[in-house]
Amino acid sequence: INKGANLRGDYLEKLLIKDSNVEVLATYGWQTALPVITRNRYGKGTCVYLGTRPGLTEWVFPSLIKSLVLEAGLKPMVEIEEKKGEVFVGLRERDDGYLLILIEVADRSHHLAVGVNAERLGLSGQWLVSDCFGDQKATILNQRGWGFETDLRAAEVKVFDLVREDNLL
């Protein structure tokens, strides 16, 4: 979120700042400039407090979360090329792998390059990616960049099963 950006949201709580280390990231009201999002760094950690319910129409909340994750030096567990607000990505861990969920919400078709963060997910060896409701299968491994491609039609939901190949034997 860029400094000075005009964002929509609901003002929920008056924040009283009592520590000079607290940084105001967002304010409410152009005349009163009441703090609504603050950050306090302590030791190696950071705490961000929301005194607002950010508007979803401008993708404020997802942008805030993404900027905080990147600032913390974390890379997303799954990445697709920039489809801001057009494709939602979900990842769920299972006992023997993961379920990857792709949801198209912009009512148009996409060709997606899906990248999986092997380091964060603890992947090694070869993993089989299978479309749970279709015929698509792919093997992902380090030499191929831990990724695969898929097509997603308007309003389509795809669920992929990611399982280590030696677990299939």
Protein backbone atom coordinates (compact mmCIF):
# COMPACT_ATOMS: atom_id res chain seq x y z
CA ILE A 1 0.00 0.00 0.00
CA ASN A 2 1.51 3.27 -1.09
CA LYS A 3 1.78 6.20 1.29
CA GLY A 4 -0.96 8.73 0.60
CA ALA A 5 -3.20 6.24 -1.21
CA ASN A 6 -6.92 6.93 -0.88
CA LEU A 7 -8.49 3.74 0.45
CA ARG A 8 -12.00 2.83 1.55
CA GLY A 9 -12.88 1.15 4.81
CA ASP A 10 -14.87 1.44 8.01
CA TYR A 11 -13.48 3.29 11.02
CA LEU A 12 -13.85 0.89 13.95
CA GLU A 13 -11.72 2.08 16.83
CA LYS A 14 -9.91 5.19 18.00
CA LEU A 15 -6.26 4.29 18.47
CA LEU A 16 -4.32 6.05 21.19
CA ILE A 17 -0.62 6.06 20.41
CA LYS A 18 1.44 6.07 23.60
CA ASP A 19 4.78 4.88 22.26
CA SER A 20 7.09 6.95 20.05
CA ASN A 21 8.14 3.77 18.22
CA VAL A 22 4.65 3.30 16.76
CA GLU A 23 4.46 4.19 13.07
CA VAL A 24 1.14 5.25 11.56
CA LEU A 25 0.60 3.46 8.24
CA ALA A 26 -2.90 4.73 7.46
CA THR A 27 -5.23 7.43 8.75
CA TYR A 28 -8.97 8.10 8.60
CA GLY A 29 -10.46 11.47 7.71
CA TRP A 30 -8.66 14.06 5.62
CA GLN A 31 -9.04 16.74 8.31
CA THR A 32 -8.63 14.73 11.51
CA ALA A 33 -6.16 12.12 10.22
CA LEU A 34 -7.03 9.57 12.92
CA PRO A 35 -4.64 6.58 12.90
CA VAL A 36 -6.32 3.36 11.74
CA ILE A 37 -3.39 1.11 10.83
CA THR A 38 -0.23 1.22 12.94
CA ARG A 39 3.02 -0.72 13.13
CA ASN A 40 5.31 -1.25 16.11
CA ARG A 41 8.67 -2.97 15.75
CA TYR A 42 9.99 -4.73 18.81
CA GLY A 43 13.16 -6.80 18.83
CA LYS A 44 13.08 -8.98 15.71
CA GLY A 45 9.29 -8.79 15.42
CA THR A 46 6.67 -6.42 14.11
CA CYS A 47 3.08 -5.91 15.22
CA VAL A 48 0.52 -4.31 12.92
CA TYR A 49 -2.77 -3.18 14.43
CA LEU A 50 -5.92 -2.56 12.39
CA GLY A 51 -8.46 -0.14 13.84
CA THR A 52 -10.43 -0.42 10.62
CA ARG A 53 -12.21 -2.91 8.44
CA PRO A 54 -10.51 -2.29 5.08
CA GLY A 55 -12.71 -2.09 2.02
CA LEU A 56 -12.56 -5.13 -0.22
CA THR A 57 -13.50 -3.40 -3.47
CA GLU A 58 -10.01 -1.92 -3.85
CA TRP A 59 -8.30 -5.10 -2.62
CA VAL A 60 -6.93 -3.16 0.36
CA PHE A 61 -6.78 -6.06 2.79
CA PRO A 62 -5.06 -8.53 0.42
CA SER A 63 -2.60 -5.79 -0.58
CA LEU A 64 -1.86 -5.05 3.08
CA ILE A 65 -1.29 -8.71 3.89
CA LYS A 66 0.92 -9.20 0.83
CA SER A 67 3.03 -6.14 1.69
CA LEU A 68 3.47 -7.36 5.29
CA VAL A 69 4.46 -10.85 4.13
CA LEU A 70 7.00 -9.43 1.67
CA GLU A 71 8.35 -7.00 4.29
CA ALA A 72 8.88 -9.97 6.62
CA GLY A 73 11.02 -11.56 3.90
CA LEU A 74 8.59 -14.41 3.25
CA LYS A 75 7.79 -15.58 -0.24
CA PRO A 76 4.29 -16.86 -1.01
CA MET A 77 3.79 -20.63 -0.84
CA VAL A 78 2.14 -20.56 -4.27
CA GLU A 79 2.45 -17.87 -6.93
CA ILE A 80 0.72 -17.24 -10.21
CA GLU A 81 1.57 -14.42 -12.57
CA GLU A 82 -0.07 -11.20 -11.46
CA LYS A 83 -3.83 -11.71 -11.73
CA LYS A 84 -4.77 -9.04 -9.19
CA GLY A 85 -8.23 -9.92 -7.99
CA GLU A 86 -8.93 -12.24 -10.93
CA VAL A 87 -7.78 -15.60 -9.57
CA PHE A 88 -7.82 -16.62 -5.92
CA VAL A 89 -5.32 -19.22 -4.72
CA GLY A 90 -5.78 -21.48 -1.71
CA LEU A 91 -3.49 -24.16 -0.29
CA ARG A 92 -4.44 -26.79 2.29
CA GLU A 93 -2.03 -29.25 3.87
CA ARG A 94 -2.94 -32.94 4.09
CA ASP A 95 -1.15 -35.85 5.74
CA ASP A 96 0.56 -36.89 2.49
CA GLY A 97 0.65 -33.65 0.51
CA TYR A 98 -1.37 -30.58 -0.36
CA LEU A 99 -4.55 -29.48 -2.06
CA LEU A 100 -4.16 -26.44 -4.30
CA ILE A 101 -7.34 -24.51 -5.12
CA LEU A 102 -7.64 -22.01 -7.99
CA ILE A 103 -10.81 -19.90 -8.27
CA GLU A 104 -11.50 -17.66 -11.27
CA VAL A 105 -13.56 -14.59 -10.26
CA ALA A 106 -13.14 -12.11 -13.15
CA ASP A 107 -15.40 -13.99 -15.59
CA ARG A 108 -12.70 -14.54 -18.20
CA SER A 109 -10.31 -17.32 -19.22
CA HIS A 110 -6.68 -17.46 -18.09
CA HIS A 111 -3.57 -19.42 -18.96
CA LEU A 112 -1.71 -19.72 -15.65
CA ALA A 113 1.88 -20.50 -14.78
CA VAL A 114 1.68 -21.82 -11.21
CA GLY A 115 4.86 -21.71 -9.12
CA VAL A 116 5.19 -23.68 -5.89
CA ASN A 117 7.60 -22.50 -3.17
CA ALA A 118 9.43 -25.76 -2.46
CA GLU A 119 11.47 -24.30 0.39
CA ARG A 120 8.46 -23.07 2.37
CA LEU A 121 6.50 -26.27 1.72
CA GLY A 122 9.45 -28.56 2.41
CA LEU A 123 9.34 -30.21 -1.01
CA SER A 124 12.10 -32.41 -2.39
CA GLY A 125 12.21 -35.18 -4.95
CA GLN A 126 9.37 -35.42 -7.46
CA TRP A 127 5.76 -34.45 -6.83
CA LEU A 128 2.72 -35.41 -8.88
CA VAL A 129 0.14 -32.68 -9.50
CA SER A 130 -3.29 -34.07 -10.46
CA ASP A 131 -6.46 -32.17 -11.31
CA CYS A 132 -9.03 -33.68 -8.92
CA PHE A 133 -11.91 -33.10 -11.37
CA GLY A 134 -10.12 -33.46 -14.70
CA ASP A 135 -7.45 -35.37 -16.57
CA GLN A 136 -4.51 -32.97 -16.17
CA LYS A 137 -1.40 -34.41 -14.51
CA ALA A 138 2.09 -32.98 -14.21
CA THR A 139 5.28 -33.84 -12.38
CA ILE A 140 7.01 -30.98 -10.61
CA LEU A 141 10.57 -31.03 -9.39
CA ASN A 142 13.48 -28.67 -8.79
CA GLN A 143 14.97 -29.03 -12.29
CA ARG A 144 11.73 -27.71 -13.78
CA GLY A 145 11.42 -24.80 -11.35
CA TRP A 146 8.70 -26.35 -9.14
CA GLY A 147 5.91 -25.20 -11.41
CA PHE A 148 3.26 -26.23 -13.90
CA GLU A 149 0.81 -24.59 -16.29
CA THR A 150 -2.95 -24.83 -16.48
CA ASP A 151 -5.93 -23.15 -18.13
CA LEU A 152 -8.78 -21.74 -16.08
CA ARG A 153 -12.10 -20.83 -17.72
CA ALA A 154 -14.46 -18.07 -16.60
CA ALA A 155 -15.99 -18.83 -13.18
CA GLU A 156 -14.11 -22.16 -12.99
CA VAL A 157 -12.71 -23.72 -9.84
CA LYS A 158 -9.87 -26.21 -10.07
CA VAL A 159 -8.55 -28.35 -7.24
CA PHE A 160 -5.15 -29.99 -7.62
CA ASP A 161 -3.76 -32.80 -5.48
CA LEU A 162 -0.01 -32.49 -4.82
CA VAL A 163 1.53 -35.78 -3.65
CA ARG A 164 5.15 -36.89 -3.46
CA GLU A 165 5.56 -39.52 -6.19
CA ASP A 166 7.20 -42.11 -3.94
CA ASN A 167 4.07 -41.95 -1.71
CA LEU A 168 2.08 -43.37 -4.64
CA LEU A 169 3.94 -46.69 -4.65
